[in-house]
N, C-alpha and C. Protein backbone atom coordinates (compact mmCIF):
# COMPACT_ATOMS: atom_id res chain seq x y z
N MET A 1 0.84 -1.21 0.00
CA MET A 1 0.00 0.00 0.00
C MET A 1 0.86 1.25 0.00
N LEU A 2 2.09 1.12 0.46
CA LEU A 2 2.97 2.28 0.52
C LEU A 2 3.29 2.79 -0.88
N HIS A 3 3.47 1.86 -1.83
CA HIS A 3 3.82 2.29 -3.19
C HIS A 3 2.65 3.01 -3.85
N CYS A 4 1.45 2.84 -3.33
CA CYS A 4 0.28 3.49 -3.92
C CYS A 4 0.36 5.01 -3.72
N LYS A 5 1.03 5.44 -2.65
CA LYS A 5 1.12 6.88 -2.37
C LYS A 5 1.91 7.60 -3.45
N LYS A 6 2.82 6.90 -4.10
CA LYS A 6 3.64 7.52 -5.14
C LYS A 6 2.83 7.74 -6.41
N ASP A 7 1.80 6.94 -6.61
CA ASP A 7 0.98 7.06 -7.82
C ASP A 7 0.05 8.26 -7.72
N GLY A 8 -0.61 8.57 -8.85
CA GLY A 8 -1.53 9.70 -8.88
C GLY A 8 -2.78 9.43 -8.06
N PRO A 9 -3.64 10.43 -7.88
CA PRO A 9 -4.87 10.31 -7.09
C PRO A 9 -5.77 9.20 -7.63
N GLY A 10 -5.87 9.09 -8.95
CA GLY A 10 -6.74 8.06 -9.55
C GLY A 10 -6.26 6.66 -9.18
N THR A 11 -4.95 6.42 -9.34
CA THR A 11 -4.41 5.09 -9.04
C THR A 11 -4.46 4.83 -7.55
N LYS A 12 -4.15 5.87 -6.78
CA LYS A 12 -4.15 5.72 -5.32
C LYS A 12 -5.54 5.37 -4.81
N LYS A 13 -6.55 5.90 -5.50
CA LYS A 13 -7.92 5.67 -5.06
C LYS A 13 -8.46 4.34 -5.60
N ALA A 14 -8.01 3.96 -6.80
CA ALA A 14 -8.55 2.75 -7.44
C ALA A 14 -7.86 1.48 -6.93
N ALA A 15 -6.56 1.55 -6.69
CA ALA A 15 -5.80 0.37 -6.29
C ALA A 15 -6.37 -0.30 -5.03
N PRO A 16 -6.55 0.43 -3.94
CA PRO A 16 -7.06 -0.19 -2.71
C PRO A 16 -8.44 -0.79 -2.90
N ILE A 17 -9.30 -0.11 -3.65
CA ILE A 17 -10.66 -0.60 -3.87
C ILE A 17 -10.62 -1.90 -4.67
N THR A 18 -9.81 -1.93 -5.72
CA THR A 18 -9.71 -3.13 -6.54
C THR A 18 -9.15 -4.29 -5.72
N SER A 19 -8.14 -3.99 -4.89
CA SER A 19 -7.52 -5.03 -4.07
C SER A 19 -8.53 -5.56 -3.05
N TRP A 20 -9.31 -4.65 -2.47
CA TRP A 20 -10.28 -5.06 -1.46
C TRP A 20 -11.34 -5.96 -2.09
N ILE A 21 -11.83 -5.56 -3.26
CA ILE A 21 -12.85 -6.36 -3.96
C ILE A 21 -12.26 -7.71 -4.35
N GLY A 22 -11.04 -7.70 -4.86
CA GLY A 22 -10.40 -8.95 -5.26
C GLY A 22 -10.20 -9.87 -4.07
N ALA A 23 -9.76 -9.32 -2.94
CA ALA A 23 -9.55 -10.12 -1.74
C ALA A 23 -10.86 -10.69 -1.23
N ALA A 24 -11.90 -9.84 -1.19
CA ALA A 24 -13.21 -10.29 -0.70
C ALA A 24 -13.76 -11.36 -1.62
N ARG A 25 -13.62 -11.16 -2.93
CA ARG A 25 -14.14 -12.13 -3.90
C ARG A 25 -13.36 -13.44 -3.78
N HIS A 26 -12.04 -13.32 -3.58
CA HIS A 26 -11.20 -14.51 -3.46
C HIS A 26 -11.60 -15.30 -2.21
N ARG A 27 -11.81 -14.60 -1.09
CA ARG A 27 -12.22 -15.28 0.15
C ARG A 27 -13.58 -15.95 -0.05
N GLY A 28 -14.50 -15.24 -0.72
CA GLY A 28 -15.83 -15.79 -0.94
C GLY A 28 -15.77 -17.07 -1.76
N GLU A 29 -14.93 -17.06 -2.80
CA GLU A 29 -14.81 -18.24 -3.65
C GLU A 29 -14.17 -19.38 -2.86
N MET A 30 -13.18 -19.05 -2.05
CA MET A 30 -12.51 -20.09 -1.25
C MET A 30 -13.51 -20.75 -0.30
N TYR A 31 -14.32 -19.94 0.36
CA TYR A 31 -15.28 -20.49 1.31
C TYR A 31 -16.34 -21.33 0.60
N GLN A 32 -16.72 -20.91 -0.60
CA GLN A 32 -17.75 -21.64 -1.34
C GLN A 32 -17.18 -22.95 -1.89
N VAL A 33 -15.96 -22.90 -2.40
CA VAL A 33 -15.36 -24.08 -3.03
C VAL A 33 -14.88 -25.09 -1.98
N HIS A 34 -14.36 -24.57 -0.86
CA HIS A 34 -13.81 -25.46 0.16
C HIS A 34 -14.91 -26.33 0.77
N PRO A 35 -14.77 -27.65 0.75
CA PRO A 35 -15.80 -28.57 1.24
C PRO A 35 -16.12 -28.33 2.71
N THR A 36 -15.11 -28.19 3.56
CA THR A 36 -15.34 -28.04 5.00
C THR A 36 -16.04 -26.71 5.29
N ALA A 37 -15.78 -25.70 4.46
CA ALA A 37 -16.40 -24.40 4.68
C ALA A 37 -17.91 -24.50 4.45
N ARG A 38 -18.32 -25.36 3.53
CA ARG A 38 -19.74 -25.52 3.24
C ARG A 38 -20.39 -26.45 4.25
N GLY A 39 -19.57 -27.12 5.09
CA GLY A 39 -20.13 -28.02 6.08
C GLY A 39 -20.21 -29.44 5.54
N ALA A 40 -19.58 -29.69 4.39
CA ALA A 40 -19.60 -31.04 3.82
C ALA A 40 -18.67 -31.94 4.63
N PRO A 41 -18.94 -33.22 4.68
CA PRO A 41 -18.10 -34.17 5.43
C PRO A 41 -16.70 -34.26 4.85
N LEU A 42 -15.70 -34.43 5.70
CA LEU A 42 -14.32 -34.51 5.23
C LEU A 42 -14.11 -35.76 4.39
N ALA A 43 -14.89 -36.81 4.63
CA ALA A 43 -14.70 -38.07 3.92
C ALA A 43 -15.36 -38.05 2.54
N GLU A 44 -15.80 -36.85 2.10
CA GLU A 44 -16.51 -36.78 0.81
C GLU A 44 -15.65 -37.15 -0.35
């Protein structure tokens, strides 16, 4: 995040938002795809 300060206002404002959405989306996909996260039996 420190390198974002060197960029212009547009990049500084867009980078964190994109990263946050990407991280949230990645976590959501992980929880949905992961069997144990869905409550499925480990022996599946």
